[in-house]
Amino acid sequence: MAEYILVTSWIQDDVNIYLNTDTGGKYVVLSSGDLYIFNANPNDGYKSYRCRTVNKITGKAQAWVFKTRLSITGKGEETCFEIHQL
């Protein structure tokens, strides 16, 4: 199924984060569709994230219905991340 779905952006709360290769910002959407958060910290856990996709066959675009929230604990090498569906 994943080969038919293209992630075009991520939505953090109500702000779109678009596919890019510029690593100057905090958030980057990789060509794989994954969201990369530089120097993630507990404040990032207060935000909700969901992806916007396009079906490669039908061309239908939609925002993912399910929102997720990060749980970030620890610092440096002790940092732990968990993703929770809201």
N, C-alpha and C. Protein backbone atom coordinates (compact mmCIF):
# COMPACT_ATOMS: atom_id res chain seq x y z
N MET A 1 0.81 -1.19 0.00
CA MET A 1 0.00 0.00 0.00
C MET A 1 0.86 1.26 0.00
N ALA A 2 1.95 1.25 0.75
CA ALA A 2 2.79 2.45 0.86
C ALA A 2 3.35 2.90 -0.48
N GLU A 3 3.54 1.99 -1.42
CA GLU A 3 4.08 2.39 -2.72
C GLU A 3 3.09 3.23 -3.52
N TYR A 4 1.82 3.27 -3.10
CA TYR A 4 0.80 4.06 -3.79
C TYR A 4 0.49 5.38 -3.09
N ILE A 5 1.11 5.61 -1.96
CA ILE A 5 0.85 6.82 -1.18
C ILE A 5 2.12 7.66 -1.12
N LEU A 6 1.98 8.96 -1.40
CA LEU A 6 3.10 9.89 -1.35
C LEU A 6 2.83 10.92 -0.26
N VAL A 7 3.75 11.07 0.67
CA VAL A 7 3.63 12.10 1.70
C VAL A 7 4.12 13.40 1.08
N THR A 8 3.24 14.41 1.04
CA THR A 8 3.59 15.69 0.44
C THR A 8 3.98 16.74 1.47
N SER A 9 3.50 16.59 2.70
CA SER A 9 3.87 17.51 3.77
C SER A 9 3.44 16.93 5.11
N TRP A 10 3.91 17.57 6.16
CA TRP A 10 3.45 17.25 7.51
C TRP A 10 2.78 18.49 8.06
N ILE A 11 1.83 18.30 8.93
CA ILE A 11 1.12 19.40 9.57
C ILE A 11 1.44 19.35 11.06
N GLN A 12 2.08 20.42 11.53
CA GLN A 12 2.39 20.53 12.95
C GLN A 12 1.38 21.52 13.52
N ASP A 13 0.50 21.02 14.37
CA ASP A 13 -0.65 21.79 14.82
C ASP A 13 -1.41 22.23 13.56
N ASP A 14 -1.36 23.49 13.16
CA ASP A 14 -2.04 23.92 11.93
C ASP A 14 -1.07 24.49 10.89
N VAL A 15 0.22 24.20 11.01
CA VAL A 15 1.23 24.74 10.10
C VAL A 15 1.78 23.62 9.22
N ASN A 16 1.79 23.85 7.90
CA ASN A 16 2.34 22.86 6.97
C ASN A 16 3.86 22.91 6.97
N ILE A 17 4.47 21.73 6.97
CA ILE A 17 5.92 21.59 6.81
C ILE A 17 6.11 20.82 5.52
N TYR A 18 6.72 21.46 4.52
CA TYR A 18 6.81 20.87 3.19
C TYR A 18 8.11 20.13 2.95
N LEU A 19 8.07 19.22 1.99
CA LEU A 19 9.24 18.45 1.57
C LEU A 19 10.35 19.41 1.20
N ASN A 20 11.53 19.19 1.75
CA ASN A 20 12.68 20.02 1.41
C ASN A 20 13.97 19.32 1.78
N THR A 21 15.05 19.87 1.29
CA THR A 21 16.35 19.33 1.64
C THR A 21 17.16 20.35 2.42
N ASP A 22 16.57 21.51 2.69
CA ASP A 22 17.23 22.55 3.46
C ASP A 22 17.26 22.14 4.92
N THR A 23 18.44 21.97 5.46
CA THR A 23 18.55 21.55 6.86
C THR A 23 18.78 22.73 7.79
N GLY A 24 18.48 23.95 7.32
CA GLY A 24 18.68 25.13 8.15
C GLY A 24 17.62 25.30 9.21
N GLY A 25 16.48 24.65 9.05
CA GLY A 25 15.39 24.81 10.00
C GLY A 25 15.33 23.66 10.99
N LYS A 26 14.35 23.71 11.87
CA LYS A 26 14.18 22.68 12.88
C LYS A 26 13.52 21.43 12.30
N TYR A 27 12.63 21.61 11.31
CA TYR A 27 11.86 20.50 10.74
C TYR A 27 12.23 20.31 9.28
N VAL A 28 12.41 19.05 8.89
CA VAL A 28 12.68 18.72 7.49
C VAL A 28 11.85 17.50 7.13
N VAL A 29 11.16 17.57 6.00
CA VAL A 29 10.47 16.40 5.47
C VAL A 29 11.41 15.76 4.46
N LEU A 30 11.82 14.54 4.73
CA LEU A 30 12.76 13.83 3.87
C LEU A 30 12.04 13.30 2.63
N SER A 31 12.80 12.94 1.61
CA SER A 31 12.20 12.42 0.37
C SER A 31 11.40 11.14 0.63
N SER A 32 11.70 10.43 1.69
CA SER A 32 10.95 9.23 2.07
C SER A 32 9.58 9.56 2.65
N GLY A 33 9.37 10.85 2.97
CA GLY A 33 8.13 11.27 3.62
C GLY A 33 8.24 11.35 5.12
N ASP A 34 9.35 10.90 5.68
CA ASP A 34 9.55 10.96 7.12
C ASP A 34 9.78 12.39 7.57
N LEU A 35 9.29 12.72 8.75
CA LEU A 35 9.53 14.03 9.35
C LEU A 35 10.74 13.91 10.27
N TYR A 36 11.73 14.78 10.06
CA TYR A 36 12.93 14.80 10.89
C TYR A 36 12.90 16.08 11.71
N ILE A 37 13.04 15.95 13.02
CA ILE A 37 13.05 17.10 13.92
C ILE A 37 14.46 17.23 14.50
N PHE A 38 15.14 18.32 14.15
CA PHE A 38 16.48 18.55 14.68
C PHE A 38 16.40 18.97 16.14
N ASN A 39 17.28 18.43 16.95
CA ASN A 39 17.37 18.80 18.37
C ASN A 39 16.00 18.77 19.05
N ALA A 40 15.29 17.66 18.85
CA ALA A 40 13.97 17.52 19.47
C ALA A 40 14.10 17.66 20.98
N ASN A 41 13.13 18.32 21.58
CA ASN A 41 13.14 18.51 23.02
C ASN A 41 11.71 18.37 23.54
N PRO A 42 11.52 18.35 24.85
CA PRO A 42 10.17 18.15 25.40
C PRO A 42 9.12 19.14 24.88
N ASN A 43 9.52 20.35 24.50
CA ASN A 43 8.55 21.32 23.95
C ASN A 43 7.92 20.81 22.66
N ASP A 44 8.65 20.00 21.89
CA ASP A 44 8.11 19.43 20.66
C ASP A 44 6.98 18.45 20.97
N GLY A 45 6.97 17.92 22.16
CA GLY A 45 5.94 16.98 22.58
C GLY A 45 4.59 17.62 22.83
N TYR A 46 4.55 18.94 22.95
CA TYR A 46 3.28 19.63 23.17
C TYR A 46 2.54 19.88 21.85
N LYS A 47 3.17 19.58 20.74
CA LYS A 47 2.58 19.84 19.43
C LYS A 47 2.02 18.55 18.85
N SER A 48 1.03 18.67 17.98
CA SER A 48 0.50 17.48 17.32
C SER A 48 1.01 17.45 15.87
N TYR A 49 1.16 16.25 15.33
CA TYR A 49 1.71 16.07 14.00
C TYR A 49 0.82 15.10 13.21
N ARG A 50 0.60 15.41 11.95
CA ARG A 50 -0.08 14.48 11.04
C ARG A 50 0.44 14.76 9.64
N CYS A 51 0.31 13.78 8.77
CA CYS A 51 0.85 13.96 7.43
C CYS A 51 -0.26 14.22 6.41
N ARG A 52 0.12 14.90 5.33
CA ARG A 52 -0.77 15.13 4.19
C ARG A 52 -0.24 14.24 3.07
N THR A 53 -1.13 13.49 2.44
CA THR A 53 -0.72 12.51 1.44
C THR A 53 -1.48 12.68 0.13
N VAL A 54 -0.93 12.06 -0.92
CA VAL A 54 -1.58 11.97 -2.22
C VAL A 54 -1.55 10.52 -2.65
N ASN A 55 -2.69 10.01 -3.11
CA ASN A 55 -2.75 8.67 -3.67
C ASN A 55 -2.20 8.75 -5.08
N LYS A 56 -1.14 8.02 -5.39
CA LYS A 56 -0.49 8.09 -6.69
C LYS A 56 -1.37 7.58 -7.83
N ILE A 57 -2.35 6.76 -7.53
CA ILE A 57 -3.23 6.21 -8.57
C ILE A 57 -4.41 7.14 -8.84
N THR A 58 -5.08 7.57 -7.79
CA THR A 58 -6.28 8.39 -7.95
C THR A 58 -6.00 9.88 -7.97
N GLY A 59 -4.83 10.28 -7.42
CA GLY A 59 -4.51 11.70 -7.32
C GLY A 59 -5.20 12.40 -6.17
N LYS A 60 -5.96 11.65 -5.38
CA LYS A 60 -6.70 12.23 -4.26
C LYS A 60 -5.73 12.63 -3.14
N ALA A 61 -5.86 13.88 -2.70
CA ALA A 61 -5.04 14.38 -1.60
C ALA A 61 -5.87 14.42 -0.33
N GLN A 62 -5.24 14.12 0.80
CA GLN A 62 -5.95 14.21 2.07
C GLN A 62 -4.96 14.36 3.21
N ALA A 63 -5.43 14.99 4.27
CA ALA A 63 -4.65 15.06 5.50
C ALA A 63 -4.98 13.83 6.31
N TRP A 64 -3.99 13.22 6.88
CA TRP A 64 -4.19 12.02 7.70
C TRP A 64 -5.12 12.37 8.84
N VAL A 65 -6.06 11.51 9.08
CA VAL A 65 -7.10 11.76 10.08
C VAL A 65 -6.52 11.73 11.49
N PHE A 66 -5.59 10.82 11.74
CA PHE A 66 -5.07 10.61 13.08
C PHE A 66 -3.91 11.56 13.37
N LYS A 67 -4.00 12.26 14.47
CA LYS A 67 -2.90 13.11 14.92
C LYS A 67 -2.04 12.30 15.87
N THR A 68 -0.75 12.63 15.90
CA THR A 68 0.16 11.99 16.82
C THR A 68 0.83 13.06 17.68
N ARG A 69 1.33 12.64 18.81
CA ARG A 69 2.06 13.53 19.69
C ARG A 69 3.31 12.80 20.16
N LEU A 70 4.40 13.54 20.27
CA LEU A 70 5.66 12.96 20.72
C LEU A 70 5.75 13.02 22.23
N SER A 71 6.38 12.03 22.80
CA SER A 71 6.74 12.06 24.21
C SER A 71 8.26 11.99 24.25
N ILE A 72 8.90 13.03 24.76
CA ILE A 72 10.35 13.11 24.75
C ILE A 72 10.84 13.26 26.18
N THR A 73 11.72 12.35 26.59
CA THR A 73 12.28 12.41 27.94
C THR A 73 13.79 12.27 27.86
N GLY A 74 14.48 12.77 28.88
CA GLY A 74 15.92 12.65 28.95
C GLY A 74 16.63 13.71 28.13
N LYS A 75 17.97 13.65 28.15
CA LYS A 75 18.80 14.59 27.40
C LYS A 75 19.98 13.85 26.80
N GLY A 76 20.49 14.36 25.69
CA GLY A 76 21.67 13.78 25.05
C GLY A 76 21.47 12.32 24.72
N GLU A 77 22.42 11.48 25.10
CA GLU A 77 22.35 10.05 24.81
C GLU A 77 21.24 9.36 25.59
N GLU A 78 20.70 10.02 26.61
CA GLU A 78 19.65 9.44 27.44
C GLU A 78 18.24 9.77 26.90
N THR A 79 18.17 10.50 25.78
CA THR A 79 16.88 10.92 25.24
C THR A 79 16.08 9.73 24.74
N CYS A 80 14.79 9.69 25.11
CA CYS A 80 13.88 8.64 24.64
C CYS A 80 12.69 9.30 23.96
N PHE A 81 12.24 8.71 22.87
CA PHE A 81 11.11 9.24 22.11
C PHE A 81 10.02 8.18 22.02
N GLU A 82 8.78 8.59 22.17
CA GLU A 82 7.64 7.72 21.95
C GLU A 82 6.63 8.52 21.15
N ILE A 83 5.90 7.83 20.26
CA ILE A 83 4.87 8.47 19.46
C ILE A 83 3.52 7.93 19.92
N HIS A 84 2.59 8.85 20.19
CA HIS A 84 1.27 8.46 20.68
C HIS A 84 0.20 8.98 19.73
N GLN A 85 -0.71 8.11 19.33
CA GLN A 85 -1.83 8.52 18.50
C GLN A 85 -2.86 9.20 19.37
N LEU A 86 -3.37 10.35 18.92
CA LEU A 86 -4.38 11.08 19.70
C LEU A 86 -5.77 10.65 19.33
